[in-house]
Amino acid sequence: WVIRAFTALGGSDDIFWIRVAGPIFHAGTALVLMAAARRFIGPEI
């Protein structure tokens, strides 16, 4: 489903559009982890 969404967004089935979701999802995970760490421990970490 994710690959279909990104290739549709790019209008292409080239390798770039198949793989670009990877770094974007990891960035999203990092941002959510920041929020989780802030909620659970505090802003210092």
All heavy atoms as atom14 arrays in JSON, in Angstrom:
{
  "sequence": "WVIRAFTALGGSDDIFWIRVAGPIFHAGTALVLMAAARRFIGPEI",
  "atom14_mask": [
    [1, 1, 1, 1, 1, 1, 1, 1, 1, 1, 1, 1, 1, 1],
    [1, 1, 1, 1, 1, 1, 1, 0, 0, 0, 0, 0, 0, 0],
    [1, 1, 1, 1, 1, 1, 1, 1, 0, 0, 0, 0, 0, 0],
    [1, 1, 1, 1, 1, 1, 1, 1, 1, 1, 1, 0, 0, 0],
    [1, 1, 1, 1, 1, 0, 0, 0, 0, 0, 0, 0, 0, 0],
    [1, 1, 1, 1, 1, 1, 1, 1, 1, 1, 1, 0, 0, 0],
    [1, 1, 1, 1, 1, 1, 1, 0, 0, 0, 0, 0, 0, 0],
    [1, 1, 1, 1, 1, 0, 0, 0, 0, 0, 0, 0, 0, 0],
    [1, 1, 1, 1, 1, 1, 1, 1, 0, 0, 0, 0, 0, 0],
    [1, 1, 1, 1, 0, 0, 0, 0, 0, 0, 0, 0, 0, 0],
    [1, 1, 1, 1, 0, 0, 0, 0, 0, 0, 0, 0, 0, 0],
    [1, 1, 1, 1, 1, 1, 0, 0, 0, 0, 0, 0, 0, 0],
    [1, 1, 1, 1, 1, 1, 1, 1, 0, 0, 0, 0, 0, 0],
    [1, 1, 1, 1, 1, 1, 1, 1, 0, 0, 0, 0, 0, 0],
    [1, 1, 1, 1, 1, 1, 1, 1, 0, 0, 0, 0, 0, 0],
    [1, 1, 1, 1, 1, 1, 1, 1, 1, 1, 1, 0, 0, 0],
    [1, 1, 1, 1, 1, 1, 1, 1, 1, 1, 1, 1, 1, 1],
    [1, 1, 1, 1, 1, 1, 1, 1, 0, 0, 0, 0, 0, 0],
    [1, 1, 1, 1, 1, 1, 1, 1, 1, 1, 1, 0, 0, 0],
    [1, 1, 1, 1, 1, 1, 1, 0, 0, 0, 0, 0, 0, 0],
    [1, 1, 1, 1, 1, 0, 0, 0, 0, 0, 0, 0, 0, 0],
    [1, 1, 1, 1, 0, 0, 0, 0, 0, 0, 0, 0, 0, 0],
    [1, 1, 1, 1, 1, 1, 1, 0, 0, 0, 0, 0, 0, 0],
    [1, 1, 1, 1, 1, 1, 1, 1, 0, 0, 0, 0, 0, 0],
    [1, 1, 1, 1, 1, 1, 1, 1, 1, 1, 1, 0, 0, 0],
    [1, 1, 1, 1, 1, 1, 1, 1, 1, 1, 0, 0, 0, 0],
    [1, 1, 1, 1, 1, 0, 0, 0, 0, 0, 0, 0, 0, 0],
    [1, 1, 1, 1, 0, 0, 0, 0, 0, 0, 0, 0, 0, 0],
    [1, 1, 1, 1, 1, 1, 1, 0, 0, 0, 0, 0, 0, 0],
    [1, 1, 1, 1, 1, 0, 0, 0, 0, 0, 0, 0, 0, 0],
    [1, 1, 1, 1, 1, 1, 1, 1, 0, 0, 0, 0, 0, 0],
    [1, 1, 1, 1, 1, 1, 1, 0, 0, 0, 0, 0, 0, 0],
    [1, 1, 1, 1, 1, 1, 1, 1, 0, 0, 0, 0, 0, 0],
    [1, 1, 1, 1, 1, 1, 1, 1, 0, 0, 0, 0, 0, 0],
    [1, 1, 1, 1, 1, 0, 0, 0, 0, 0, 0, 0, 0, 0],
    [1, 1, 1, 1, 1, 0, 0, 0, 0, 0, 0, 0, 0, 0],
    [1, 1, 1, 1, 1, 0, 0, 0, 0, 0, 0, 0, 0, 0],
    [1, 1, 1, 1, 1, 1, 1, 1, 1, 1, 1, 0, 0, 0],
    [1, 1, 1, 1, 1, 1, 1, 1, 1, 1, 1, 0, 0, 0],
    [1, 1, 1, 1, 1, 1, 1, 1, 1, 1, 1, 0, 0, 0],
    [1, 1, 1, 1, 1, 1, 1, 1, 0, 0, 0, 0, 0, 0],
    [1, 1, 1, 1, 0, 0, 0, 0, 0, 0, 0, 0, 0, 0],
    [1, 1, 1, 1, 1, 1, 1, 0, 0, 0, 0, 0, 0, 0],
    [1, 1, 1, 1, 1, 1, 1, 1, 1, 0, 0, 0, 0, 0],
    [1, 1, 1, 1, 1, 1, 1, 1, 0, 0, 0, 0, 0, 0]
  ],
  "atom14_positions": [
    [[0.83, -1.21, 0.0], [0.0, 0.0, 0.0], [0.86, 1.25, 0.0], [0.56, 2.22, -0.7], [-0.91, 0.0, 1.22], [-1.87, -1.15, 1.3], [-2.13, -2.07, 0.33], [-2.68, -1.5, 2.42], [-3.05, -2.99, 0.77], [-3.42, -2.67, 2.04], [-2.86, -0.98, 3.69], [-4.31, -3.28, 2.91], [-3.76, -1.58, 4.55], [-4.48, -2.72, 4.17]],
    [[1.93, 1.24, 0.79], [2.81, 2.41, 0.88], [3.52, 2.66, -0.45], [3.58, 3.8, -0.93], [3.84, 2.23, 2.02], [4.93, 3.29, 1.94], [3.14, 2.29, 3.38], [0.0, 0.0, 0.0], [0.0, 0.0, 0.0], [0.0, 0.0, 0.0], [0.0, 0.0, 0.0], [0.0, 0.0, 0.0], [0.0, 0.0, 0.0], [0.0, 0.0, 0.0]],
    [[4.06, 1.61, -1.06], [4.74, 1.77, -2.34], [3.76, 2.29, -3.39], [4.1, 3.17, -4.2], [5.38, 0.45, -2.79], [6.57, 0.11, -1.88], [5.84, 0.53, -4.24], [7.21, -1.23, -2.16], [0.0, 0.0, 0.0], [0.0, 0.0, 0.0], [0.0, 0.0, 0.0], [0.0, 0.0, 0.0], [0.0, 0.0, 0.0], [0.0, 0.0, 0.0]],
    [[2.54, 1.76, -3.38], [1.53, 2.23, -4.34], [1.27, 3.73, -4.15], [1.16, 4.49, -5.12], [0.24, 1.44, -4.15], [-0.9, 1.85, -5.09], [-0.54, 1.62, -6.57], [-1.72, 1.76, -7.4], [-2.53, 0.77, -7.74], [-2.27, -0.48, -7.3], [-3.58, 0.97, -8.5], [0.0, 0.0, 0.0], [0.0, 0.0, 0.0], [0.0, 0.0, 0.0]],
    [[1.2, 4.17, -2.89], [0.95, 5.58, -2.61], [2.09, 6.46, -3.11], [1.86, 7.5, -3.74], [0.74, 5.79, -1.11], [0.0, 0.0, 0.0], [0.0, 0.0, 0.0], [0.0, 0.0, 0.0], [0.0, 0.0, 0.0], [0.0, 0.0, 0.0], [0.0, 0.0, 0.0], [0.0, 0.0, 0.0], [0.0, 0.0, 0.0], [0.0, 0.0, 0.0]],
    [[3.33, 6.04, -2.87], [4.48, 6.86, -3.26], [4.7, 6.85, -4.77], [5.07, 7.88, -5.35], [5.73, 6.43, -2.51], [5.86, 7.04, -1.15], [5.2, 6.51, -0.06], [6.63, 8.19, -0.96], [5.29, 7.1, 1.2], [6.73, 8.78, 0.28], [6.06, 8.24, 1.37], [0.0, 0.0, 0.0], [0.0, 0.0, 0.0], [0.0, 0.0, 0.0]],
    [[4.52, 5.71, -5.42], [4.69, 5.68, -6.87], [3.57, 6.46, -7.55], [3.79, 7.08, -8.59], [4.73, 4.23, -7.4], [3.58, 3.51, -6.93], [6.0, 3.53, -6.94], [0.0, 0.0, 0.0], [0.0, 0.0, 0.0], [0.0, 0.0, 0.0], [0.0, 0.0, 0.0], [0.0, 0.0, 0.0], [0.0, 0.0, 0.0], [0.0, 0.0, 0.0]],
    [[2.38, 6.44, -6.96], [1.28, 7.25, -7.51], [1.58, 8.73, -7.33], [1.34, 9.55, -8.22], [-0.03, 6.87, -6.82], [0.0, 0.0, 0.0], [0.0, 0.0, 0.0], [0.0, 0.0, 0.0], [0.0, 0.0, 0.0], [0.0, 0.0, 0.0], [0.0, 0.0, 0.0], [0.0, 0.0, 0.0], [0.0, 0.0, 0.0], [0.0, 0.0, 0.0]],
    [[2.14, 9.07, -6.16], [2.49, 10.46, -5.9], [3.54, 10.96, -6.88], [3.47, 12.09, -7.39], [3.01, 10.59, -4.46], [3.49, 11.98, -4.02], [2.3, 12.94, -3.96], [4.17, 11.9, -2.65], [0.0, 0.0, 0.0], [0.0, 0.0, 0.0], [0.0, 0.0, 0.0], [0.0, 0.0, 0.0], [0.0, 0.0, 0.0], [0.0, 0.0, 0.0]],
    [[4.52, 10.12, -7.16], [5.59, 10.52, -8.08], [5.24, 10.31, -9.54], [5.98, 10.76, -10.42], [0.0, 0.0, 0.0], [0.0, 0.0, 0.0], [0.0, 0.0, 0.0], [0.0, 0.0, 0.0], [0.0, 0.0, 0.0], [0.0, 0.0, 0.0], [0.0, 0.0, 0.0], [0.0, 0.0, 0.0], [0.0, 0.0, 0.0], [0.0, 0.0, 0.0]],
    [[4.13, 9.58, -9.79], [3.76, 9.3, -11.17], [4.79, 8.44, -11.88], [4.95, 8.52, -13.1], [0.0, 0.0, 0.0], [0.0, 0.0, 0.0], [0.0, 0.0, 0.0], [0.0, 0.0, 0.0], [0.0, 0.0, 0.0], [0.0, 0.0, 0.0], [0.0, 0.0, 0.0], [0.0, 0.0, 0.0], [0.0, 0.0, 0.0], [0.0, 0.0, 0.0]],
    [[5.49, 7.59, -11.1], [6.58, 6.8, -11.67], [6.8, 5.54, -10.85], [6.61, 5.54, -9.63], [7.87, 7.62, -11.71], [8.98, 6.81, -12.05], [0.0, 0.0, 0.0], [0.0, 0.0, 0.0], [0.0, 0.0, 0.0], [0.0, 0.0, 0.0], [0.0, 0.0, 0.0], [0.0, 0.0, 0.0], [0.0, 0.0, 0.0], [0.0, 0.0, 0.0]],
    [[7.2, 4.45, -11.53], [7.57, 3.21, -10.85], [9.07, 3.03, -10.82], [9.57, 1.92, -10.61], [6.92, 2.01, -11.56], [5.42, 1.98, -11.38], [4.97, 2.06, -10.22], [4.69, 1.87, -12.4], [0.0, 0.0, 0.0], [0.0, 0.0, 0.0], [0.0, 0.0, 0.0], [0.0, 0.0, 0.0], [0.0, 0.0, 0.0], [0.0, 0.0, 0.0]],
    [[9.81, 4.12, -11.01], [11.27, 4.05, -10.93], [11.71, 3.7, -9.51], [10.97, 3.89, -8.54], [11.89, 5.38, -11.34], [11.76, 5.64, -12.84], [11.45, 4.68, -13.58], [11.96, 6.79, -13.26], [0.0, 0.0, 0.0], [0.0, 0.0, 0.0], [0.0, 0.0, 0.0], [0.0, 0.0, 0.0], [0.0, 0.0, 0.0], [0.0, 0.0, 0.0]],
    [[12.96, 3.24, -9.4], [13.49, 2.79, -8.12], [13.41, 3.89, -7.06], [13.1, 3.62, -5.9], [14.94, 2.29, -8.29], [14.95, 1.0, -9.13], [15.59, 2.04, -6.94], [16.34, 0.46, -9.42], [0.0, 0.0, 0.0], [0.0, 0.0, 0.0], [0.0, 0.0, 0.0], [0.0, 0.0, 0.0], [0.0, 0.0, 0.0], [0.0, 0.0, 0.0]],
    [[13.66, 5.13, -7.45], [13.63, 6.22, -6.48], [12.3, 6.28, -5.75], [12.25, 6.39, -4.52], [13.9, 7.56, -7.18], [13.72, 8.76, -6.28], [14.75, 9.16, -5.45], [12.52, 9.46, -6.25], [14.59, 10.26, -4.6], [12.34, 10.55, -5.42], [13.38, 10.95, -4.59], [0.0, 0.0, 0.0], [0.0, 0.0, 0.0], [0.0, 0.0, 0.0]],
    [[11.2, 6.19, -6.48], [9.89, 6.33, -5.87], [9.48, 5.09, -5.07], [8.63, 5.16, -4.19], [8.84, 6.67, -6.93], [9.02, 8.06, -7.42], [9.56, 8.47, -8.6], [8.69, 9.26, -6.7], [9.61, 9.84, -8.66], [9.07, 10.36, -7.52], [8.11, 9.52, -5.45], [8.88, 11.68, -7.11], [7.93, 10.83, -5.05], [8.31, 11.89, -5.87]],
    [[10.1, 3.97, -5.37], [9.85, 2.76, -4.57], [10.58, 2.86, -3.23], [10.06, 2.43, -2.2], [10.33, 1.51, -5.34], [9.46, 1.32, -6.6], [10.28, 0.26, -4.46], [9.96, 0.22, -7.52], [0.0, 0.0, 0.0], [0.0, 0.0, 0.0], [0.0, 0.0, 0.0], [0.0, 0.0, 0.0], [0.0, 0.0, 0.0], [0.0, 0.0, 0.0]],
    [[11.76, 3.47, -3.24], [12.59, 3.49, -2.03], [12.46, 4.75, -1.18], [12.82, 4.73, 0.0], [14.06, 3.33, -2.44], [14.43, 1.93, -2.87], [15.87, 1.87, -3.35], [16.31, 0.48, -3.52], [17.44, 0.12, -4.13], [18.24, 1.06, -4.61], [17.75, -1.15, -4.24], [0.0, 0.0, 0.0], [0.0, 0.0, 0.0], [0.0, 0.0, 0.0]],
    [[11.96, 5.83, -1.75], [12.0, 7.1, -1.03], [11.15, 7.08, 0.24], [11.39, 7.87, 1.17], [11.55, 8.25, -1.96], [10.05, 8.21, -2.23], [11.97, 9.6, -1.38], [0.0, 0.0, 0.0], [0.0, 0.0, 0.0], [0.0, 0.0, 0.0], [0.0, 0.0, 0.0], [0.0, 0.0, 0.0], [0.0, 0.0, 0.0], [0.0, 0.0, 0.0]],
    [[10.19, 6.19, 0.33], [9.38, 6.09, 1.55], [10.24, 5.71, 2.75], [9.91, 6.07, 3.9], [8.26, 5.07, 1.36], [0.0, 0.0, 0.0], [0.0, 0.0, 0.0], [0.0, 0.0, 0.0], [0.0, 0.0, 0.0], [0.0, 0.0, 0.0], [0.0, 0.0, 0.0], [0.0, 0.0, 0.0], [0.0, 0.0, 0.0], [0.0, 0.0, 0.0]],
    [[11.36, 4.98, 2.52], [12.21, 4.53, 3.62], [12.72, 5.67, 4.49], [12.44, 5.71, 5.7], [0.0, 0.0, 0.0], [0.0, 0.0, 0.0], [0.0, 0.0, 0.0], [0.0, 0.0, 0.0], [0.0, 0.0, 0.0], [0.0, 0.0, 0.0], [0.0, 0.0, 0.0], [0.0, 0.0, 0.0], [0.0, 0.0, 0.0], [0.0, 0.0, 0.0]],
    [[13.51, 6.59, 3.94], [14.02, 7.69, 4.78], [12.91, 8.56, 5.35], [13.05, 9.11, 6.44], [14.92, 8.48, 3.82], [14.54, 8.06, 2.45], [14.07, 6.65, 2.58], [0.0, 0.0, 0.0], [0.0, 0.0, 0.0], [0.0, 0.0, 0.0], [0.0, 0.0, 0.0], [0.0, 0.0, 0.0], [0.0, 0.0, 0.0], [0.0, 0.0, 0.0]],
    [[11.81, 8.69, 4.62], [10.71, 9.52, 5.13], [10.04, 8.86, 6.33], [9.76, 9.53, 7.34], [9.69, 9.78, 4.0], [10.33, 10.68, 2.93], [8.42, 10.42, 4.55], [9.48, 10.88, 1.7], [0.0, 0.0, 0.0], [0.0, 0.0, 0.0], [0.0, 0.0, 0.0], [0.0, 0.0, 0.0], [0.0, 0.0, 0.0], [0.0, 0.0, 0.0]],
    [[9.8, 7.57, 6.26], [9.21, 6.87, 7.41], [10.16, 6.89, 8.6], [9.72, 7.04, 9.75], [8.86, 5.43, 7.03], [7.43, 5.27, 6.61], [7.07, 5.42, 5.29], [6.43, 4.99, 7.54], [5.75, 5.28, 4.89], [5.11, 4.86, 7.16], [4.76, 5.0, 5.83], [0.0, 0.0, 0.0], [0.0, 0.0, 0.0], [0.0, 0.0, 0.0]],
    [[11.45, 6.73, 8.36], [12.4, 6.75, 9.48], [12.44, 8.13, 10.13], [12.58, 8.24, 11.36], [13.8, 6.35, 9.01], [13.95, 4.87, 8.83], [13.47, 3.96, 9.75], [14.53, 4.13, 7.85], [13.75, 2.73, 9.35], [14.39, 2.81, 8.2], [0.0, 0.0, 0.0], [0.0, 0.0, 0.0], [0.0, 0.0, 0.0], [0.0, 0.0, 0.0]],
    [[12.34, 9.17, 9.33], [12.28, 10.51, 9.91], [11.03, 10.65, 10.77], [11.07, 11.22, 11.88], [12.27, 11.57, 8.81], [0.0, 0.0, 0.0], [0.0, 0.0, 0.0], [0.0, 0.0, 0.0], [0.0, 0.0, 0.0], [0.0, 0.0, 0.0], [0.0, 0.0, 0.0], [0.0, 0.0, 0.0], [0.0, 0.0, 0.0], [0.0, 0.0, 0.0]],
    [[9.91, 10.13, 10.28], [8.67, 10.16, 11.06], [8.81, 9.42, 12.37], [8.35, 9.88, 13.42], [0.0, 0.0, 0.0], [0.0, 0.0, 0.0], [0.0, 0.0, 0.0], [0.0, 0.0, 0.0], [0.0, 0.0, 0.0], [0.0, 0.0, 0.0], [0.0, 0.0, 0.0], [0.0, 0.0, 0.0], [0.0, 0.0, 0.0], [0.0, 0.0, 0.0]],
    [[9.46, 8.26, 12.33], [9.68, 7.48, 13.55], [10.53, 8.26, 14.54], [10.24, 8.27, 15.75], [10.36, 6.14, 13.22], [9.57, 5.43, 12.27], [10.54, 5.29, 14.47], [0.0, 0.0, 0.0], [0.0, 0.0, 0.0], [0.0, 0.0, 0.0], [0.0, 0.0, 0.0], [0.0, 0.0, 0.0], [0.0, 0.0, 0.0], [0.0, 0.0, 0.0]],
    [[11.58, 8.9, 14.05], [12.45, 9.68, 14.92], [11.69, 10.81, 15.59], [11.86, 11.07, 16.8], [13.63, 10.23, 14.12], [0.0, 0.0, 0.0], [0.0, 0.0, 0.0], [0.0, 0.0, 0.0], [0.0, 0.0, 0.0], [0.0, 0.0, 0.0], [0.0, 0.0, 0.0], [0.0, 0.0, 0.0], [0.0, 0.0, 0.0], [0.0, 0.0, 0.0]],
    [[10.82, 11.47, 14.84], [10.04, 12.58, 15.4], [9.04, 12.08, 16.45], [8.86, 12.71, 17.5], [9.31, 13.32, 14.28], [10.21, 14.02, 13.25], [9.37, 14.64, 12.13], [11.09, 15.08, 13.92], [0.0, 0.0, 0.0], [0.0, 0.0, 0.0], [0.0, 0.0, 0.0], [0.0, 0.0, 0.0], [0.0, 0.0, 0.0], [0.0, 0.0, 0.0]],
    [[8.4, 10.95, 16.17], [7.47, 10.39, 17.15], [8.22, 9.94, 18.39], [7.74, 10.13, 19.53], [6.69, 9.21, 16.54], [5.8, 8.54, 17.59], [5.82, 9.68, 15.37], [0.0, 0.0, 0.0], [0.0, 0.0, 0.0], [0.0, 0.0, 0.0], [0.0, 0.0, 0.0], [0.0, 0.0, 0.0], [0.0, 0.0, 0.0], [0.0, 0.0, 0.0]],
    [[9.41, 9.37, 18.21], [10.21, 8.97, 19.37], [10.6, 10.17, 20.22], [10.67, 10.07, 21.46], [11.47, 8.24, 18.91], [11.39, 6.72, 18.79], [12.75, 6.15, 18.43], [10.89, 6.1, 20.08], [0.0, 0.0, 0.0], [0.0, 0.0, 0.0], [0.0, 0.0, 0.0], [0.0, 0.0, 0.0], [0.0, 0.0, 0.0], [0.0, 0.0, 0.0]],
    [[10.88, 11.28, 19.59], [11.16, 12.5, 20.35], [9.97, 12.86, 21.24], [10.14, 13.17, 22.42], [11.49, 13.65, 19.41], [12.84, 13.56, 18.73], [13.16, 14.92, 17.58], [13.17, 16.31, 18.72], [0.0, 0.0, 0.0], [0.0, 0.0, 0.0], [0.0, 0.0, 0.0], [0.0, 0.0, 0.0], [0.0, 0.0, 0.0], [0.0, 0.0, 0.0]],
    [[8.78, 12.8, 20.65], [7.57, 13.12, 21.41], [7.34, 12.11, 22.53], [6.96, 12.46, 23.65], [6.37, 13.17, 20.48], [0.0, 0.0, 0.0], [0.0, 0.0, 0.0], [0.0, 0.0, 0.0], [0.0, 0.0, 0.0], [0.0, 0.0, 0.0], [0.0, 0.0, 0.0], [0.0, 0.0, 0.0], [0.0, 0.0, 0.0], [0.0, 0.0, 0.0]],
    [[7.6, 10.83, 22.24], [7.41, 9.79, 23.24], [8.4, 9.94, 24.39], [8.03, 9.81, 25.57], [7.56, 8.41, 22.59], [0.0, 0.0, 0.0], [0.0, 0.0, 0.0], [0.0, 0.0, 0.0], [0.0, 0.0, 0.0], [0.0, 0.0, 0.0], [0.0, 0.0, 0.0], [0.0, 0.0, 0.0], [0.0, 0.0, 0.0], [0.0, 0.0, 0.0]],
    [[9.66, 10.22, 24.05], [10.68, 10.4, 25.09], [10.38, 11.63, 25.93], [10.56, 11.62, 27.16], [12.06, 10.52, 24.44], [0.0, 0.0, 0.0], [0.0, 0.0, 0.0], [0.0, 0.0, 0.0], [0.0, 0.0, 0.0], [0.0, 0.0, 0.0], [0.0, 0.0, 0.0], [0.0, 0.0, 0.0], [0.0, 0.0, 0.0], [0.0, 0.0, 0.0]],
    [[9.92, 12.69, 25.29], [9.57, 13.91, 26.03], [8.42, 13.64, 26.99], [8.43, 14.1, 28.13], [9.2, 15.01, 25.03], [8.9, 16.35, 25.68], [8.51, 17.39, 24.65], [8.37, 18.7, 25.28], [9.03, 19.78, 24.96], [9.94, 19.73, 24.02], [8.81, 20.92, 25.58], [0.0, 0.0, 0.0], [0.0, 0.0, 0.0], [0.0, 0.0, 0.0]],
    [[7.42, 12.89, 26.53], [6.26, 12.59, 27.37], [6.64, 11.67, 28.53], [6.18, 11.86, 29.65], [5.17, 11.93, 26.52], [4.08, 11.21, 27.3], [2.99, 10.69, 26.39], [2.02, 11.75, 26.11], [1.01, 11.62, 25.26], [0.86, 10.49, 24.59], [0.16, 12.61, 25.08], [0.0, 0.0, 0.0], [0.0, 0.0, 0.0], [0.0, 0.0, 0.0]],
    [[7.48, 10.67, 28.26], [7.76, 9.64, 29.26], [8.87, 10.03, 30.23], [8.8, 9.73, 31.42], [8.13, 8.34, 28.54], [8.12, 7.13, 29.41], [6.97, 6.77, 30.1], [9.24, 6.33, 29.54], [6.94, 5.63, 30.91], [9.23, 5.19, 30.33], [8.07, 4.84, 31.01], [0.0, 0.0, 0.0], [0.0, 0.0, 0.0], [0.0, 0.0, 0.0]],
    [[9.91, 10.7, 29.71], [11.07, 11.04, 30.54], [11.19, 12.54, 30.74], [11.27, 13.04, 31.86], [12.37, 10.5, 29.92], [12.26, 9.0, 29.64], [13.56, 10.81, 30.83], [12.02, 8.14, 30.85], [0.0, 0.0, 0.0], [0.0, 0.0, 0.0], [0.0, 0.0, 0.0], [0.0, 0.0, 0.0], [0.0, 0.0, 0.0], [0.0, 0.0, 0.0]],
    [[11.2, 13.28, 29.65], [11.36, 14.73, 29.75], [12.07, 15.29, 28.53], [12.66, 14.55, 27.74], [0.0, 0.0, 0.0], [0.0, 0.0, 0.0], [0.0, 0.0, 0.0], [0.0, 0.0, 0.0], [0.0, 0.0, 0.0], [0.0, 0.0, 0.0], [0.0, 0.0, 0.0], [0.0, 0.0, 0.0], [0.0, 0.0, 0.0], [0.0, 0.0, 0.0]],
    [[12.03, 16.61, 28.35], [12.62, 17.23, 27.16], [14.14, 17.07, 27.07], [14.71, 17.22, 26.0], [12.22, 18.7, 27.3], [11.97, 18.89, 28.77], [11.41, 17.6, 29.26], [0.0, 0.0, 0.0], [0.0, 0.0, 0.0], [0.0, 0.0, 0.0], [0.0, 0.0, 0.0], [0.0, 0.0, 0.0], [0.0, 0.0, 0.0], [0.0, 0.0, 0.0]],
    [[14.78, 16.76, 28.2], [16.24, 16.69, 28.2], [16.79, 15.56, 27.33], [17.95, 15.61, 26.9], [16.77, 16.56, 29.63], [16.4, 15.26, 30.36], [15.05, 15.33, 31.05], [14.3, 16.3, 30.8], [14.75, 14.42, 31.84], [0.0, 0.0, 0.0], [0.0, 0.0, 0.0], [0.0, 0.0, 0.0], [0.0, 0.0, 0.0], [0.0, 0.0, 0.0]],
    [[15.99, 14.52, 27.08], [16.5, 13.42, 26.23], [15.76, 13.34, 24.9], [16.09, 12.48, 24.07], [16.42, 12.05, 26.94], [14.97, 11.59, 27.06], [17.1, 12.09, 28.29], [14.83, 10.1, 27.31], [0.0, 0.0, 0.0], [0.0, 0.0, 0.0], [0.0, 0.0, 0.0], [0.0, 0.0, 0.0], [0.0, 0.0, 0.0], [0.0, 0.0, 0.0]]
  ]
}
